[in-house]
Amino acid sequence: MITELDKKTALILIDLQKGIVGFPLAHPVEGILINAAKLVDAFRKAGLPIVYVNVNPAGAKWTTSRKDPAPASNIVFKEDWAEIVAEVNVQPDDIFITKHTWGAFFETALDEELKKKEITGIVIGGISTSIGVEGTARQASERGYNITFATDAMTDMVATAHENSLKTIFPRMGETGTTDDVIERLN
């Protein structure tokens, strides 16, 4: 349940990029993008920052470390793979962050950008719930941000991983609610 949003809250949307929205997902991507776009419109109207995060794992050290199963470190991505999808209404004044790991704070300018704007809270959504969204939320929690999860503006490739994040992990880091709940608190 969302009790409130900080006056200085940013919207962070994770990996809503052309190469990822086409993956097989637990929930229809159209609904996720509609809700993300509703959040973008509401944050824009409120004059609050919008952060678009994409991922480019090419060359990242974690892609070559041992794990089971090993990721395909030799994947060749299409030229537009990292581009944010048009459905979420990207504007030139928005903040753009490219991450190379699961979390958007690691070795990026995200924390610096948020601090410049005196941001104390974030609303987060995107793909995938248990990887990019959760990884970024964990890092935001370590930095002391108040976190709100827009649960219907995120999905995962694995339904049980999505549910675990929503029911077990996220309530330990922040508040959860729907897009409409966030917009109601924003207003």
N, C-alpha and C. Protein backbone atom coordinates (compact mmCIF):
# COMPACT_ATOMS: atom_id res chain seq x y z
N MET A 1 0.84 -1.18 0.00
CA MET A 1 0.00 0.00 0.00
C MET A 1 0.89 1.25 0.00
N ILE A 2 0.51 2.20 -0.80
CA ILE A 2 1.27 3.44 -0.89
C ILE A 2 0.66 4.46 0.07
N THR A 3 1.46 4.90 1.03
CA THR A 3 0.96 5.88 2.00
C THR A 3 1.25 7.30 1.55
N GLU A 4 2.42 7.52 0.91
CA GLU A 4 2.74 8.85 0.40
C GLU A 4 3.94 8.76 -0.54
N LEU A 5 4.13 9.83 -1.29
CA LEU A 5 5.32 10.00 -2.12
C LEU A 5 6.04 11.25 -1.64
N ASP A 6 7.37 11.20 -1.67
CA ASP A 6 8.15 12.39 -1.32
C ASP A 6 7.84 13.50 -2.31
N LYS A 7 7.96 14.75 -1.86
CA LYS A 7 7.76 15.89 -2.77
C LYS A 7 8.77 15.87 -3.91
N LYS A 8 9.96 15.37 -3.63
CA LYS A 8 11.03 15.26 -4.64
C LYS A 8 11.19 13.80 -5.01
N THR A 9 10.31 13.33 -5.89
CA THR A 9 10.31 11.93 -6.33
C THR A 9 10.56 11.87 -7.83
N ALA A 10 11.37 10.91 -8.25
CA ALA A 10 11.64 10.68 -9.67
C ALA A 10 11.02 9.35 -10.09
N LEU A 11 10.64 9.28 -11.33
CA LEU A 11 10.17 8.03 -11.94
C LEU A 11 11.37 7.38 -12.62
N ILE A 12 11.62 6.12 -12.32
CA ILE A 12 12.70 5.38 -12.97
C ILE A 12 12.09 4.18 -13.69
N LEU A 13 12.26 4.13 -14.99
CA LEU A 13 11.75 3.03 -15.80
C LEU A 13 12.94 2.22 -16.33
N ILE A 14 12.92 0.94 -16.04
CA ILE A 14 14.04 0.05 -16.31
C ILE A 14 13.82 -0.76 -17.59
N ASP A 15 14.76 -0.66 -18.50
CA ASP A 15 14.91 -1.53 -19.66
C ASP A 15 13.67 -1.66 -20.56
N LEU A 16 12.93 -0.57 -20.69
CA LEU A 16 11.81 -0.57 -21.63
C LEU A 16 12.36 -0.22 -23.01
N GLN A 17 13.17 -1.13 -23.49
CA GLN A 17 13.92 -0.92 -24.73
C GLN A 17 13.53 -1.97 -25.76
N LYS A 18 13.77 -1.65 -27.01
CA LYS A 18 13.31 -2.49 -28.12
C LYS A 18 13.78 -3.93 -28.02
N GLY A 19 15.00 -4.14 -27.57
CA GLY A 19 15.53 -5.50 -27.49
C GLY A 19 14.96 -6.33 -26.38
N ILE A 20 14.36 -5.71 -25.39
CA ILE A 20 13.85 -6.46 -24.23
C ILE A 20 12.33 -6.61 -24.26
N VAL A 21 11.60 -5.63 -24.75
CA VAL A 21 10.14 -5.74 -24.73
C VAL A 21 9.64 -6.88 -25.62
N GLY A 22 10.49 -7.38 -26.50
CA GLY A 22 10.11 -8.49 -27.37
C GLY A 22 10.36 -9.86 -26.77
N PHE A 23 10.98 -9.93 -25.59
CA PHE A 23 11.22 -11.21 -24.92
C PHE A 23 9.88 -11.84 -24.52
N PRO A 24 9.85 -13.15 -24.36
CA PRO A 24 8.64 -13.77 -23.80
C PRO A 24 8.50 -13.35 -22.33
N LEU A 25 7.39 -12.73 -22.00
CA LEU A 25 7.19 -12.15 -20.67
C LEU A 25 5.99 -12.77 -19.97
N ALA A 26 5.98 -12.68 -18.65
CA ALA A 26 4.90 -13.26 -17.84
C ALA A 26 3.57 -12.53 -18.01
N HIS A 27 3.63 -11.25 -18.39
CA HIS A 27 2.43 -10.43 -18.58
C HIS A 27 2.51 -9.76 -19.95
N PRO A 28 1.39 -9.48 -20.58
CA PRO A 28 1.43 -8.81 -21.89
C PRO A 28 2.15 -7.46 -21.81
N VAL A 29 3.12 -7.26 -22.67
CA VAL A 29 3.94 -6.06 -22.61
C VAL A 29 3.13 -4.80 -22.91
N GLU A 30 2.06 -4.93 -23.69
CA GLU A 30 1.24 -3.76 -24.02
C GLU A 30 0.69 -3.09 -22.76
N GLY A 31 0.21 -3.88 -21.82
CA GLY A 31 -0.33 -3.33 -20.58
C GLY A 31 0.75 -2.67 -19.73
N ILE A 32 1.93 -3.27 -19.71
CA ILE A 32 3.05 -2.69 -18.96
C ILE A 32 3.41 -1.33 -19.56
N LEU A 33 3.48 -1.26 -20.88
CA LEU A 33 3.85 0.00 -21.55
C LEU A 33 2.76 1.06 -21.39
N ILE A 34 1.49 0.65 -21.39
CA ILE A 34 0.40 1.61 -21.17
C ILE A 34 0.53 2.22 -19.77
N ASN A 35 0.77 1.38 -18.78
CA ASN A 35 0.91 1.88 -17.40
C ASN A 35 2.15 2.74 -17.23
N ALA A 36 3.25 2.33 -17.86
CA ALA A 36 4.47 3.15 -17.80
C ALA A 36 4.22 4.52 -18.43
N ALA A 37 3.51 4.55 -19.56
CA ALA A 37 3.20 5.82 -20.22
C ALA A 37 2.30 6.70 -19.35
N LYS A 38 1.35 6.09 -18.64
CA LYS A 38 0.50 6.85 -17.72
C LYS A 38 1.34 7.49 -16.61
N LEU A 39 2.31 6.73 -16.10
CA LEU A 39 3.20 7.28 -15.07
C LEU A 39 4.04 8.43 -15.63
N VAL A 40 4.55 8.25 -16.83
CA VAL A 40 5.35 9.30 -17.46
C VAL A 40 4.53 10.57 -17.60
N ASP A 41 3.31 10.44 -18.09
CA ASP A 41 2.44 11.62 -18.26
C ASP A 41 2.19 12.31 -16.92
N ALA A 42 1.92 11.53 -15.88
CA ALA A 42 1.63 12.10 -14.56
C ALA A 42 2.86 12.79 -13.98
N PHE A 43 4.03 12.18 -14.12
CA PHE A 43 5.25 12.80 -13.60
C PHE A 43 5.59 14.06 -14.40
N ARG A 44 5.36 14.02 -15.71
CA ARG A 44 5.62 15.20 -16.53
C ARG A 44 4.71 16.35 -16.10
N LYS A 45 3.43 16.06 -15.89
CA LYS A 45 2.48 17.10 -15.45
C LYS A 45 2.85 17.66 -14.09
N ALA A 46 3.42 16.81 -13.22
CA ALA A 46 3.82 17.25 -11.88
C ALA A 46 5.18 17.95 -11.88
N GLY A 47 5.85 17.98 -13.04
CA GLY A 47 7.15 18.63 -13.13
C GLY A 47 8.26 17.86 -12.42
N LEU A 48 8.09 16.54 -12.32
CA LEU A 48 9.08 15.70 -11.65
C LEU A 48 9.92 14.93 -12.67
N PRO A 49 11.16 14.60 -12.31
CA PRO A 49 12.07 13.97 -13.27
C PRO A 49 11.65 12.55 -13.67
N ILE A 50 11.98 12.23 -14.90
CA ILE A 50 11.76 10.90 -15.46
C ILE A 50 13.11 10.37 -15.90
N VAL A 51 13.42 9.16 -15.45
CA VAL A 51 14.69 8.53 -15.78
C VAL A 51 14.40 7.28 -16.60
N TYR A 52 15.00 7.20 -17.77
CA TYR A 52 14.92 6.00 -18.59
C TYR A 52 16.26 5.29 -18.49
N VAL A 53 16.20 4.02 -18.11
CA VAL A 53 17.41 3.21 -18.00
C VAL A 53 17.33 2.13 -19.06
N ASN A 54 18.41 1.99 -19.82
CA ASN A 54 18.52 0.85 -20.71
C ASN A 54 19.74 0.04 -20.30
N VAL A 55 19.86 -1.14 -20.86
CA VAL A 55 20.99 -2.01 -20.52
C VAL A 55 21.77 -2.34 -21.78
N ASN A 56 23.08 -2.32 -21.63
CA ASN A 56 23.98 -2.78 -22.68
C ASN A 56 25.04 -3.65 -21.99
N PRO A 57 24.82 -4.96 -21.95
CA PRO A 57 25.75 -5.82 -21.23
C PRO A 57 27.03 -6.13 -21.99
N ALA A 58 27.13 -5.66 -23.22
CA ALA A 58 28.31 -5.98 -24.04
C ALA A 58 29.60 -5.59 -23.33
N GLY A 59 30.47 -6.56 -23.16
CA GLY A 59 31.77 -6.31 -22.57
C GLY A 59 31.79 -6.26 -21.06
N ALA A 60 30.62 -6.34 -20.40
CA ALA A 60 30.59 -6.28 -18.94
C ALA A 60 31.26 -7.53 -18.36
N LYS A 61 32.01 -7.34 -17.29
CA LYS A 61 32.76 -8.45 -16.68
C LYS A 61 31.87 -9.60 -16.26
N TRP A 62 30.67 -9.31 -15.75
CA TRP A 62 29.81 -10.38 -15.26
C TRP A 62 29.39 -11.35 -16.35
N THR A 63 29.43 -10.91 -17.62
CA THR A 63 29.00 -11.80 -18.70
C THR A 63 30.00 -12.92 -18.96
N THR A 64 31.23 -12.78 -18.44
CA THR A 64 32.24 -13.81 -18.68
C THR A 64 32.58 -14.62 -17.42
N SER A 65 31.95 -14.29 -16.30
CA SER A 65 32.22 -15.05 -15.08
C SER A 65 31.47 -16.39 -15.11
N ARG A 66 31.93 -17.33 -14.30
CA ARG A 66 31.30 -18.65 -14.27
C ARG A 66 29.94 -18.58 -13.61
N LYS A 67 29.01 -19.25 -14.21
CA LYS A 67 27.67 -19.42 -13.64
C LYS A 67 26.97 -20.51 -14.41
N ASP A 68 25.90 -20.98 -13.84
CA ASP A 68 25.17 -22.08 -14.47
C ASP A 68 23.73 -21.66 -14.66
N PRO A 69 23.19 -21.52 -15.83
CA PRO A 69 23.90 -21.68 -17.09
C PRO A 69 24.68 -20.41 -17.46
N ALA A 70 25.72 -20.58 -18.23
CA ALA A 70 26.54 -19.44 -18.63
C ALA A 70 25.77 -18.56 -19.62
N PRO A 71 25.81 -17.23 -19.44
CA PRO A 71 25.13 -16.35 -20.41
C PRO A 71 25.87 -16.38 -21.74
N ALA A 72 25.16 -16.08 -22.76
CA ALA A 72 25.78 -16.02 -24.09
C ALA A 72 26.52 -14.69 -24.21
N SER A 73 27.82 -14.71 -24.00
CA SER A 73 28.59 -13.47 -24.03
C SER A 73 28.93 -13.04 -25.45
N ASN A 74 28.61 -13.88 -26.42
CA ASN A 74 28.94 -13.54 -27.80
C ASN A 74 27.71 -13.14 -28.61
N ILE A 75 26.62 -12.77 -27.93
CA ILE A 75 25.40 -12.35 -28.62
C ILE A 75 25.67 -11.04 -29.35
N VAL A 76 25.19 -10.95 -30.58
CA VAL A 76 25.29 -9.71 -31.35
C VAL A 76 23.91 -9.05 -31.31
N PHE A 77 23.87 -7.83 -30.81
CA PHE A 77 22.60 -7.12 -30.67
C PHE A 77 22.32 -6.29 -31.92
N LYS A 78 21.03 -6.18 -32.27
CA LYS A 78 20.63 -5.31 -33.37
C LYS A 78 20.97 -3.87 -33.01
N GLU A 79 21.14 -3.04 -34.01
CA GLU A 79 21.55 -1.65 -33.80
C GLU A 79 20.60 -0.88 -32.88
N ASP A 80 19.29 -1.15 -32.98
CA ASP A 80 18.32 -0.41 -32.16
C ASP A 80 17.94 -1.15 -30.87
N TRP A 81 18.67 -2.20 -30.51
CA TRP A 81 18.36 -3.04 -29.36
C TRP A 81 18.19 -2.24 -28.07
N ALA A 82 19.02 -1.24 -27.84
CA ALA A 82 19.01 -0.48 -26.59
C ALA A 82 18.09 0.75 -26.61
N GLU A 83 17.46 1.05 -27.73
CA GLU A 83 16.59 2.22 -27.82
C GLU A 83 15.32 2.04 -26.99
N ILE A 84 14.97 3.08 -26.23
CA ILE A 84 13.73 3.07 -25.45
C ILE A 84 12.54 3.10 -26.41
N VAL A 85 11.52 2.32 -26.12
CA VAL A 85 10.36 2.22 -27.02
C VAL A 85 9.58 3.54 -27.05
N ALA A 86 8.98 3.82 -28.18
CA ALA A 86 8.25 5.07 -28.39
C ALA A 86 7.02 5.20 -27.49
N GLU A 87 6.43 4.09 -27.09
CA GLU A 87 5.18 4.12 -26.32
C GLU A 87 5.30 4.87 -24.99
N VAL A 88 6.51 5.06 -24.48
CA VAL A 88 6.66 5.71 -23.18
C VAL A 88 7.06 7.18 -23.28
N ASN A 89 6.92 7.76 -24.46
CA ASN A 89 6.99 9.21 -24.65
C ASN A 89 8.28 9.86 -24.12
N VAL A 90 9.39 9.42 -24.62
CA VAL A 90 10.70 9.97 -24.25
C VAL A 90 10.81 11.42 -24.73
N GLN A 91 11.35 12.28 -23.89
CA GLN A 91 11.59 13.68 -24.23
C GLN A 91 13.07 14.01 -24.01
N PRO A 92 13.61 14.97 -24.74
CA PRO A 92 15.05 15.29 -24.62
C PRO A 92 15.49 15.72 -23.23
N ASP A 93 14.59 16.30 -22.43
CA ASP A 93 14.97 16.75 -21.08
C ASP A 93 14.97 15.62 -20.05
N ASP A 94 14.52 14.44 -20.43
CA ASP A 94 14.52 13.31 -19.51
C ASP A 94 15.96 12.87 -19.24
N ILE A 95 16.14 12.11 -18.18
CA ILE A 95 17.47 11.59 -17.82
C ILE A 95 17.61 10.21 -18.44
N PHE A 96 18.73 9.97 -19.08
CA PHE A 96 19.00 8.68 -19.71
C PHE A 96 20.24 8.06 -19.07
N ILE A 97 20.10 6.81 -18.66
CA ILE A 97 21.20 6.08 -18.02
C ILE A 97 21.35 4.75 -18.75
N THR A 98 22.57 4.41 -19.10
CA THR A 98 22.86 3.08 -19.64
C THR A 98 23.60 2.31 -18.57
N LYS A 99 23.02 1.17 -18.19
CA LYS A 99 23.67 0.31 -17.20
C LYS A 99 24.29 -0.89 -17.90
N HIS A 100 25.22 -1.52 -17.21
CA HIS A 100 25.90 -2.68 -17.77
C HIS A 100 25.72 -3.91 -16.89
N THR A 101 25.04 -3.73 -15.76
CA THR A 101 24.76 -4.81 -14.83
C THR A 101 23.27 -4.76 -14.49
N TRP A 102 22.85 -5.53 -13.50
CA TRP A 102 21.44 -5.56 -13.14
C TRP A 102 20.96 -4.25 -12.58
N GLY A 103 21.75 -3.59 -11.77
CA GLY A 103 21.33 -2.38 -11.10
C GLY A 103 21.78 -1.13 -11.82
N ALA A 104 20.93 -0.11 -11.84
CA ALA A 104 21.19 1.12 -12.58
C ALA A 104 22.09 2.11 -11.85
N PHE A 105 22.44 1.84 -10.59
CA PHE A 105 23.31 2.75 -9.85
C PHE A 105 24.79 2.39 -10.00
N PHE A 106 25.09 1.14 -10.31
CA PHE A 106 26.47 0.67 -10.36
C PHE A 106 27.24 1.27 -11.53
N GLU A 107 28.26 2.05 -11.21
CA GLU A 107 29.16 2.67 -12.20
C GLU A 107 28.41 3.47 -13.27
N THR A 108 27.34 4.17 -12.83
CA THR A 108 26.62 5.10 -13.70
C THR A 108 26.49 6.44 -12.97
N ALA A 109 25.91 7.41 -13.63
CA ALA A 109 25.71 8.74 -13.03
C ALA A 109 24.32 8.88 -12.40
N LEU A 110 23.59 7.80 -12.21
CA LEU A 110 22.22 7.90 -11.73
C LEU A 110 22.13 8.58 -10.36
N ASP A 111 22.90 8.13 -9.39
CA ASP A 111 22.84 8.73 -8.05
C ASP A 111 23.19 10.22 -8.12
N GLU A 112 24.20 10.56 -8.87
CA GLU A 112 24.61 11.97 -9.03
C GLU A 112 23.49 12.80 -9.65
N GLU A 113 22.85 12.28 -10.68
CA GLU A 113 21.75 13.00 -11.33
C GLU A 113 20.58 13.22 -10.37
N LEU A 114 20.25 12.22 -9.59
CA LEU A 114 19.15 12.36 -8.64
C LEU A 114 19.50 13.34 -7.52
N LYS A 115 20.72 13.29 -7.05
CA LYS A 115 21.15 14.20 -5.98
C LYS A 115 21.16 15.66 -6.46
N LYS A 116 21.53 15.88 -7.71
CA LYS A 116 21.51 17.24 -8.27
C LYS A 116 20.11 17.83 -8.20
N LYS A 117 19.12 16.99 -8.34
CA LYS A 117 17.72 17.44 -8.32
C LYS A 117 17.10 17.28 -6.93
N GLU A 118 17.92 16.94 -5.94
CA GLU A 118 17.49 16.77 -4.55
C GLU A 118 16.38 15.73 -4.40
N ILE A 119 16.46 14.69 -5.20
CA ILE A 119 15.48 13.61 -5.16
C ILE A 119 15.69 12.76 -3.91
N THR A 120 14.59 12.47 -3.21
CA THR A 120 14.65 11.62 -2.03
C THR A 120 13.83 10.34 -2.19
N GLY A 121 12.95 10.32 -3.19
CA GLY A 121 12.11 9.16 -3.42
C GLY A 121 12.09 8.77 -4.88
N ILE A 122 11.85 7.49 -5.14
CA ILE A 122 11.72 7.03 -6.52
C ILE A 122 10.49 6.15 -6.65
N VAL A 123 9.89 6.21 -7.82
CA VAL A 123 8.87 5.26 -8.24
C VAL A 123 9.53 4.47 -9.35
N ILE A 124 9.43 3.15 -9.27
CA ILE A 124 10.16 2.31 -10.21
C ILE A 124 9.25 1.28 -10.87
N GLY A 125 9.54 1.03 -12.15
CA GLY A 125 8.84 0.00 -12.92
C GLY A 125 9.75 -0.44 -14.05
N GLY A 126 9.31 -1.42 -14.82
CA GLY A 126 10.08 -1.86 -15.98
C GLY A 126 10.19 -3.37 -16.10
N ILE A 127 11.20 -3.77 -16.85
CA ILE A 127 11.44 -5.17 -17.16
C ILE A 127 12.92 -5.45 -16.88
N SER A 128 13.26 -6.45 -16.24
CA SER A 128 12.39 -7.42 -15.63
C SER A 128 12.38 -7.25 -14.12
N THR A 129 11.24 -7.60 -13.55
CA THR A 129 10.99 -7.36 -12.13
C THR A 129 12.11 -7.88 -11.24
N SER A 130 12.51 -9.13 -11.45
CA SER A 130 13.47 -9.78 -10.55
C SER A 130 14.92 -9.49 -10.89
N ILE A 131 15.17 -8.80 -11.98
CA ILE A 131 16.55 -8.53 -12.37
C ILE A 131 16.80 -7.02 -12.34
N GLY A 132 16.45 -6.31 -13.39
CA GLY A 132 16.76 -4.88 -13.47
C GLY A 132 16.02 -4.03 -12.46
N VAL A 133 14.72 -4.31 -12.24
CA VAL A 133 13.95 -3.53 -11.28
C VAL A 133 14.44 -3.82 -9.87
N GLU A 134 14.53 -5.10 -9.52
CA GLU A 134 14.98 -5.45 -8.17
C GLU A 134 16.43 -5.05 -7.93
N GLY A 135 17.30 -5.25 -8.92
CA GLY A 135 18.70 -4.86 -8.76
C GLY A 135 18.85 -3.36 -8.51
N THR A 136 18.11 -2.56 -9.25
CA THR A 136 18.14 -1.11 -9.07
C THR A 136 17.53 -0.72 -7.72
N ALA A 137 16.44 -1.36 -7.35
CA ALA A 137 15.79 -1.04 -6.08
C ALA A 137 16.70 -1.38 -4.90
N ARG A 138 17.41 -2.48 -4.97
CA ARG A 138 18.33 -2.83 -3.89
C ARG A 138 19.40 -1.75 -3.73
N GLN A 139 19.93 -1.28 -4.86
CA GLN A 139 20.95 -0.24 -4.81
C GLN A 139 20.37 1.08 -4.32
N ALA A 140 19.15 1.39 -4.71
CA ALA A 140 18.49 2.62 -4.23
C ALA A 140 18.25 2.54 -2.73
N SER A 141 17.86 1.38 -2.26
CA SER A 141 17.63 1.18 -0.83
C SER A 141 18.92 1.39 -0.04
N GLU A 142 20.02 0.87 -0.55
CA GLU A 142 21.32 1.06 0.10
C GLU A 142 21.72 2.52 0.18
N ARG A 143 21.20 3.33 -0.74
CA ARG A 143 21.52 4.76 -0.77
C ARG A 143 20.50 5.60 -0.02
N GLY A 144 19.49 4.97 0.55
CA GLY A 144 18.54 5.68 1.40
C GLY A 144 17.36 6.32 0.69
N TYR A 145 17.10 5.97 -0.56
CA TYR A 145 15.93 6.52 -1.25
C TYR A 145 14.66 5.85 -0.73
N ASN A 146 13.58 6.61 -0.65
CA ASN A 146 12.26 6.03 -0.39
C ASN A 146 11.78 5.45 -1.72
N ILE A 147 11.38 4.19 -1.70
CA ILE A 147 11.07 3.48 -2.95
C ILE A 147 9.60 3.11 -2.99
N THR A 148 8.98 3.37 -4.14
CA THR A 148 7.62 2.95 -4.41
C THR A 148 7.66 2.12 -5.68
N PHE A 149 7.01 0.96 -5.65
CA PHE A 149 7.00 0.04 -6.78
C PHE A 149 5.65 0.10 -7.46
N ALA A 150 5.64 0.44 -8.75
CA ALA A 150 4.41 0.44 -9.55
C ALA A 150 4.24 -0.97 -10.09
N THR A 151 3.51 -1.79 -9.36
CA THR A 151 3.47 -3.23 -9.61
C THR A 151 2.87 -3.63 -10.96
N ASP A 152 1.99 -2.81 -11.50
CA ASP A 152 1.39 -3.15 -12.80
C ASP A 152 2.12 -2.46 -13.96
N ALA A 153 3.27 -1.86 -13.66
CA ALA A 153 4.12 -1.27 -14.70
C ALA A 153 5.44 -2.03 -14.77
N MET A 154 5.39 -3.31 -14.38
CA MET A 154 6.59 -4.15 -14.45
C MET A 154 6.18 -5.58 -14.73
N THR A 155 7.10 -6.32 -15.31
CA THR A 155 6.91 -7.74 -15.55
C THR A 155 8.26 -8.41 -15.63
N ASP A 156 8.23 -9.71 -15.77
CA ASP A 156 9.43 -10.54 -15.74
C ASP A 156 9.29 -11.61 -16.81
N MET A 157 10.37 -12.28 -17.10
CA MET A 157 10.31 -13.42 -18.01
C MET A 157 9.86 -14.68 -17.27
N VAL A 158 9.93 -14.65 -15.94
CA VAL A 158 9.56 -15.80 -15.12
C VAL A 158 8.50 -15.35 -14.11
N ALA A 159 7.30 -15.89 -14.23
CA ALA A 159 6.18 -15.45 -13.39
C ALA A 159 6.47 -15.65 -11.91
N THR A 160 7.08 -16.76 -11.52
CA THR A 160 7.35 -17.00 -10.10
C THR A 160 8.40 -16.03 -9.57
N ALA A 161 9.36 -15.65 -10.39
CA ALA A 161 10.36 -14.66 -9.97
C ALA A 161 9.69 -13.30 -9.76
N HIS A 162 8.79 -12.93 -10.66
CA HIS A 162 8.02 -11.68 -10.55
C HIS A 162 7.25 -11.67 -9.23
N GLU A 163 6.52 -12.75 -8.96
CA GLU A 163 5.72 -12.84 -7.74
C GLU A 163 6.59 -12.79 -6.49
N ASN A 164 7.74 -13.45 -6.51
CA ASN A 164 8.64 -13.42 -5.35
C ASN A 164 9.10 -12.00 -5.07
N SER A 165 9.48 -11.28 -6.10
CA SER A 165 9.92 -9.89 -5.91
C SER A 165 8.79 -9.05 -5.32
N LEU A 166 7.59 -9.17 -5.89
CA LEU A 166 6.45 -8.36 -5.44
C LEU A 166 6.04 -8.69 -4.00
N LYS A 167 6.00 -9.96 -3.67
CA LYS A 167 5.44 -10.37 -2.38
C LYS A 167 6.48 -10.47 -1.27
N THR A 168 7.73 -10.79 -1.61
CA THR A 168 8.72 -11.03 -0.57
C THR A 168 9.78 -9.94 -0.47
N ILE A 169 10.31 -9.50 -1.59
CA ILE A 169 11.45 -8.58 -1.59
C ILE A 169 11.01 -7.12 -1.49
N PHE A 170 10.14 -6.68 -2.38
CA PHE A 170 9.80 -5.26 -2.45
C PHE A 170 9.20 -4.69 -1.17
N PRO A 171 8.30 -5.41 -0.48
CA PRO A 171 7.76 -4.84 0.76
C PRO A 171 8.83 -4.59 1.83
N ARG A 172 9.97 -5.21 1.71
CA ARG A 172 11.06 -4.99 2.67
C ARG A 172 11.84 -3.73 2.35
N MET A 173 11.68 -3.22 1.13
CA MET A 173 12.44 -2.05 0.69
C MET A 173 11.60 -0.79 0.54
N GLY A 174 10.30 -0.96 0.35
CA GLY A 174 9.47 0.21 0.08
C GLY A 174 8.00 -0.14 0.08
N GLU A 175 7.24 0.68 -0.61
CA GLU A 175 5.80 0.48 -0.69
C GLU A 175 5.42 0.04 -2.10
N THR A 176 4.35 -0.75 -2.19
CA THR A 176 3.91 -1.25 -3.49
C THR A 176 2.48 -0.80 -3.75
N GLY A 177 2.20 -0.60 -5.02
CA GLY A 177 0.85 -0.23 -5.43
C GLY A 177 0.75 -0.19 -6.94
N THR A 178 -0.44 0.07 -7.42
CA THR A 178 -0.67 0.13 -8.86
C THR A 178 -0.29 1.50 -9.42
N THR A 179 -0.29 1.58 -10.71
CA THR A 179 -0.07 2.85 -11.40
C THR A 179 -1.08 3.89 -10.91
N ASP A 180 -2.34 3.51 -10.82
CA ASP A 180 -3.37 4.44 -10.37
C ASP A 180 -3.12 4.89 -8.93
N ASP A 181 -2.64 3.98 -8.07
CA ASP A 181 -2.30 4.36 -6.69
C ASP A 181 -1.19 5.42 -6.67
N VAL A 182 -0.18 5.21 -7.52
CA VAL A 182 0.93 6.17 -7.59
C VAL A 182 0.41 7.52 -8.05
N ILE A 183 -0.37 7.53 -9.11
CA ILE A 183 -0.89 8.79 -9.66
C ILE A 183 -1.78 9.49 -8.65
N GLU A 184 -2.57 8.75 -7.90
CA GLU A 184 -3.41 9.36 -6.88
C GLU A 184 -2.56 10.05 -5.81
N ARG A 185 -1.49 9.43 -5.39
CA ARG A 185 -0.59 10.03 -4.38
C ARG A 185 0.20 11.19 -4.99
N LEU A 186 0.50 11.13 -6.25
CA LEU A 186 1.24 12.19 -6.93
C LEU A 186 0.41 13.47 -6.99
N ASN A 187 -0.89 13.29 -7.16
CA ASN A 187 -1.79 14.44 -7.26
C ASN A 187 -2.11 14.98 -5.88
